[in-house]
N, C-alpha and C. Protein backbone atom coordinates (compact mmCIF):
# COMPACT_ATOMS: atom_id res chain seq x y z
N MET A 1 -26.77 -12.64 -1.20
CA MET A 1 -25.55 -12.61 -1.00
C MET A 1 -24.37 -13.56 -1.17
N PRO A 2 -23.47 -12.86 -1.81
CA PRO A 2 -22.30 -13.50 -2.36
C PRO A 2 -21.46 -14.83 -1.30
N ALA A 3 -21.29 -15.59 -2.17
CA ALA A 3 -20.41 -16.74 -1.12
C ALA A 3 -18.86 -16.33 -1.40
N ASN A 4 -18.54 -16.32 0.27
CA ASN A 4 -17.09 -16.75 0.22
C ASN A 4 -16.55 -18.00 0.08
N ILE A 5 -15.18 -17.87 0.67
CA ILE A 5 -14.40 -19.37 0.14
C ILE A 5 -14.82 -20.41 1.44
N TYR A 6 -15.41 -20.20 2.31
CA TYR A 6 -15.76 -20.87 3.62
C TYR A 6 -17.37 -21.42 3.51
N SER A 7 -18.15 -20.69 2.52
CA SER A 7 -19.45 -21.05 2.49
C SER A 7 -19.57 -21.83 1.18
N THR A 8 -18.72 -22.08 0.41
CA THR A 8 -18.56 -22.46 -0.77
C THR A 8 -18.47 -24.50 -0.60
N THR A 9 -19.77 -24.87 -1.89
CA THR A 9 -19.96 -26.12 -1.32
C THR A 9 -19.31 -26.47 -2.44
N PRO A 10 -18.85 -28.34 -2.22
CA PRO A 10 -17.61 -28.94 -3.30
C PRO A 10 -18.24 -28.58 -4.83
N THR A 11 -19.95 -28.80 -5.18
CA THR A 11 -20.37 -28.76 -6.73
C THR A 11 -20.07 -27.07 -7.18
N GLU A 12 -19.66 -26.04 -6.24
CA GLU A 12 -19.62 -24.65 -6.69
C GLU A 12 -18.15 -24.67 -7.11
N PHE A 13 -16.76 -25.27 -6.09
CA PHE A 13 -15.74 -25.45 -6.49
C PHE A 13 -15.55 -26.22 -7.92
N ALA A 14 -16.23 -27.08 -7.93
CA ALA A 14 -16.23 -28.08 -9.46
C ALA A 14 -16.70 -27.23 -10.67
N ALA A 15 -17.37 -26.45 -10.15
CA ALA A 15 -17.52 -25.58 -11.48
C ALA A 15 -16.92 -24.17 -12.18
N TRP A 16 -15.61 -24.16 -10.98
CA TRP A 16 -14.68 -23.02 -11.63
C TRP A 16 -14.00 -23.57 -12.13
N PRO A 17 -13.44 -22.71 -13.44
CA PRO A 17 -12.39 -22.94 -14.44
C PRO A 17 -11.21 -23.69 -14.21
N ALA A 18 -10.59 -24.57 -14.94
CA ALA A 18 -9.71 -24.66 -14.56
C ALA A 18 -8.36 -23.68 -14.48
N PRO A 19 -7.13 -23.97 -13.57
CA PRO A 19 -6.00 -23.02 -13.74
C PRO A 19 -5.70 -22.59 -14.73
N ASN A 20 -5.00 -21.34 -15.09
CA ASN A 20 -4.25 -21.63 -16.31
C ASN A 20 -2.88 -21.28 -16.37
N PHE A 21 -1.88 -22.16 -15.87
CA PHE A 21 -0.55 -21.83 -15.43
C PHE A 21 0.65 -21.88 -16.89
N ILE A 22 -0.09 -22.32 -17.92
CA ILE A 22 0.89 -21.95 -19.01
C ILE A 22 0.86 -20.69 -19.72
N ASP A 23 -0.54 -19.81 -20.03
CA ASP A 23 -0.75 -18.71 -20.40
C ASP A 23 -1.76 -17.73 -19.53
N PRO A 24 -1.34 -17.43 -18.57
CA PRO A 24 -1.73 -17.08 -17.49
C PRO A 24 -2.67 -15.61 -17.59
N GLU A 25 -3.61 -15.28 -17.54
CA GLU A 25 -4.19 -13.81 -17.79
C GLU A 25 -3.52 -12.73 -17.26
N ARG A 26 -2.87 -11.87 -17.70
CA ARG A 26 -1.82 -10.51 -17.78
C ARG A 26 -2.71 -9.27 -17.40
N ARG A 27 -2.44 -8.68 -16.16
CA ARG A 27 -3.05 -7.34 -15.92
C ARG A 27 -2.09 -5.91 -16.10
N ALA A 28 -2.56 -5.75 -17.54
CA ALA A 28 -1.43 -5.21 -18.10
C ALA A 28 -1.58 -3.25 -18.17
N TRP A 29 -2.60 -3.25 -17.25
CA TRP A 29 -3.22 -1.92 -16.82
C TRP A 29 -2.12 -1.28 -15.52
N ILE A 30 -1.33 -2.07 -14.65
CA ILE A 30 -0.76 -1.60 -13.74
C ILE A 30 0.08 -0.70 -13.98
N VAL A 31 0.85 -1.05 -15.12
CA VAL A 31 2.29 -0.54 -15.20
C VAL A 31 1.78 1.10 -15.91
N PRO A 32 0.55 1.43 -16.88
CA PRO A 32 0.53 2.57 -16.70
C PRO A 32 -0.10 3.30 -15.46
N TYR A 33 -0.79 2.73 -14.82
CA TYR A 33 -1.62 3.46 -13.85
C TYR A 33 -0.50 3.60 -13.00
N ALA A 34 0.57 2.79 -12.23
CA ALA A 34 1.97 3.06 -11.90
C ALA A 34 2.46 4.41 -12.51
N ILE A 35 2.66 4.43 -13.08
CA ILE A 35 3.18 5.52 -13.87
C ILE A 35 3.26 7.04 -13.45
N ILE A 36 1.82 6.40 -14.15
CA ILE A 36 0.74 7.81 -14.01
C ILE A 36 0.39 8.58 -12.51
N THR A 37 0.43 7.59 -11.25
CA THR A 37 0.34 8.12 -10.15
C THR A 37 1.51 8.56 -9.56
N GLN A 38 2.73 7.67 -10.16
CA GLN A 38 4.55 8.16 -9.94
C GLN A 38 4.13 9.97 -10.31
N LEU A 39 3.82 9.86 -11.33
CA LEU A 39 3.85 11.34 -12.13
C LEU A 39 2.99 12.50 -11.31
N VAL A 40 1.74 11.51 -10.78
CA VAL A 40 0.90 13.01 -9.93
C VAL A 40 1.38 13.42 -8.85
N ALA A 41 2.38 12.11 -8.08
CA ALA A 41 3.16 12.21 -6.80
C ALA A 41 4.13 13.31 -7.15
N PHE A 42 5.01 13.18 -7.96
CA PHE A 42 6.28 14.00 -8.39
C PHE A 42 5.43 15.57 -8.76
N VAL A 43 4.74 15.69 -9.30
CA VAL A 43 4.32 17.00 -9.57
C VAL A 43 3.86 17.98 -8.47
N CYS A 44 2.95 16.84 -7.44
CA CYS A 44 2.41 17.60 -5.94
C CYS A 44 3.50 17.88 -5.26
N VAL A 45 4.58 17.01 -5.17
CA VAL A 45 5.72 16.97 -4.08
C VAL A 45 6.74 18.65 -4.48
N VAL A 46 6.74 18.43 -6.05
CA VAL A 46 7.40 19.77 -6.76
C VAL A 46 6.89 20.76 -6.55
N GLY A 47 5.50 20.87 -6.35
CA GLY A 47 4.31 22.19 -6.27
C GLY A 47 4.81 22.42 -5.33
N ARG A 48 4.76 21.81 -3.96
CA ARG A 48 4.67 22.02 -2.35
C ARG A 48 5.97 22.57 -2.32
N MET A 49 7.30 22.19 -3.13
CA MET A 49 8.45 22.48 -3.12
C MET A 49 8.21 23.75 -2.83
N LEU A 50 8.04 23.87 -4.30
CA LEU A 50 8.45 25.77 -4.80
C LEU A 50 7.28 26.49 -4.12
N VAL A 51 6.25 26.01 -3.51
CA VAL A 51 5.48 27.25 -2.92
C VAL A 51 6.38 27.58 -1.56
N ARG A 52 6.60 26.40 -0.85
CA ARG A 52 7.96 26.72 0.59
C ARG A 52 8.54 27.57 0.07
N PHE A 53 9.72 26.93 -0.41
CA PHE A 53 10.83 27.71 -1.19
C PHE A 53 11.00 29.01 -1.54
N ARG A 54 9.83 29.38 -2.42
CA ARG A 54 9.97 30.18 -3.50
C ARG A 54 9.00 31.30 -3.38
N VAL A 55 7.99 31.23 -2.88
CA VAL A 55 6.68 31.82 -2.45
C VAL A 55 6.76 31.96 -1.02
N ARG A 56 6.63 31.39 -0.07
CA ARG A 56 6.94 31.57 1.49
C ARG A 56 8.70 32.23 1.81
N LYS A 57 9.52 31.53 1.03
CA LYS A 57 10.90 32.04 1.46
C LYS A 57 11.21 31.57 2.77
N ASP A 58 10.82 30.09 2.63
CA ASP A 58 11.05 29.23 4.33
C ASP A 58 12.04 28.00 4.07
N THR A 59 12.49 27.94 5.04
CA THR A 59 13.25 26.76 5.17
C THR A 59 12.96 25.13 5.10
N ALA A 60 13.68 24.14 4.48
CA ALA A 60 12.85 23.01 4.66
C ALA A 60 12.84 22.30 6.32
N GLY A 61 11.82 21.75 6.46
CA GLY A 61 11.45 21.26 7.81
C GLY A 61 11.69 19.66 7.82
N VAL A 62 11.42 19.19 8.70
CA VAL A 62 11.68 17.39 8.88
C VAL A 62 10.42 16.92 8.05
N ASP A 63 9.01 17.61 8.06
CA ASP A 63 8.13 17.05 7.22
C ASP A 63 8.68 17.02 5.63
N ASP A 64 9.66 18.27 4.96
CA ASP A 64 9.52 18.21 3.97
C ASP A 64 10.60 16.73 3.85
N ILE A 65 11.77 16.70 4.89
CA ILE A 65 13.05 15.34 4.21
C ILE A 65 11.92 14.33 4.23
N PHE A 66 10.65 13.88 5.08
CA PHE A 66 10.25 12.58 4.68
C PHE A 66 9.64 12.96 3.83
N ILE A 67 8.84 13.90 3.32
CA ILE A 67 8.09 13.90 1.95
C ILE A 67 9.20 13.47 0.91
N ILE A 68 10.59 14.11 0.49
CA ILE A 68 11.39 13.89 0.55
C ILE A 68 11.72 12.59 -0.11
N MET A 69 11.73 12.05 0.89
CA MET A 69 12.61 10.78 1.51
C MET A 69 11.31 9.68 0.78
N ALA A 70 9.94 9.88 0.88
CA ALA A 70 8.79 9.13 0.43
C ALA A 70 9.34 8.99 -1.19
N LEU A 71 9.50 10.63 -1.60
CA LEU A 71 9.41 10.63 -2.86
C LEU A 71 10.24 9.74 -3.89
N VAL A 72 11.39 9.41 -3.13
CA VAL A 72 12.70 9.00 -3.71
C VAL A 72 12.79 7.78 -3.17
N SER A 73 12.09 6.76 -2.52
CA SER A 73 11.64 5.79 -2.23
C SER A 73 10.67 4.62 -3.29
N SER A 74 9.80 5.52 -3.20
CA SER A 74 8.72 5.21 -4.32
C SER A 74 9.35 5.40 -5.91
N LYS A 75 9.88 6.24 -6.02
CA LYS A 75 10.46 6.33 -7.43
C LYS A 75 11.63 4.83 -7.46
N LEU A 76 12.29 4.74 -6.36
CA LEU A 76 13.35 3.54 -6.67
C LEU A 76 12.51 2.01 -6.89
N SER A 77 10.70 2.49 -6.13
CA SER A 77 10.34 1.02 -5.89
C SER A 77 9.76 0.46 -7.45
N LEU A 78 9.95 1.32 -8.49
CA LEU A 78 9.53 1.16 -10.10
C LEU A 78 11.05 0.79 -10.84
N LEU A 79 11.68 0.43 -9.77
CA LEU A 79 13.13 0.41 -10.98
C LEU A 79 12.72 -1.64 -10.89
């Protein structure tokens, strides 16, 4: 069974490596991951809007407005 912070003994704490504050390990995968998921979301929303307005000849509903607002806010969060 894996240990958690509450059941860790002082000897296990002593075996941990020292923290590296000068040159910490970077998570370089997060930026491409965020960009890819944003592109997938954008394609899905554009596809939904094309189907809604071109194929069904329907008007925008409240759900569409919320989807577009969420898409814009998620795009702004990348800046």
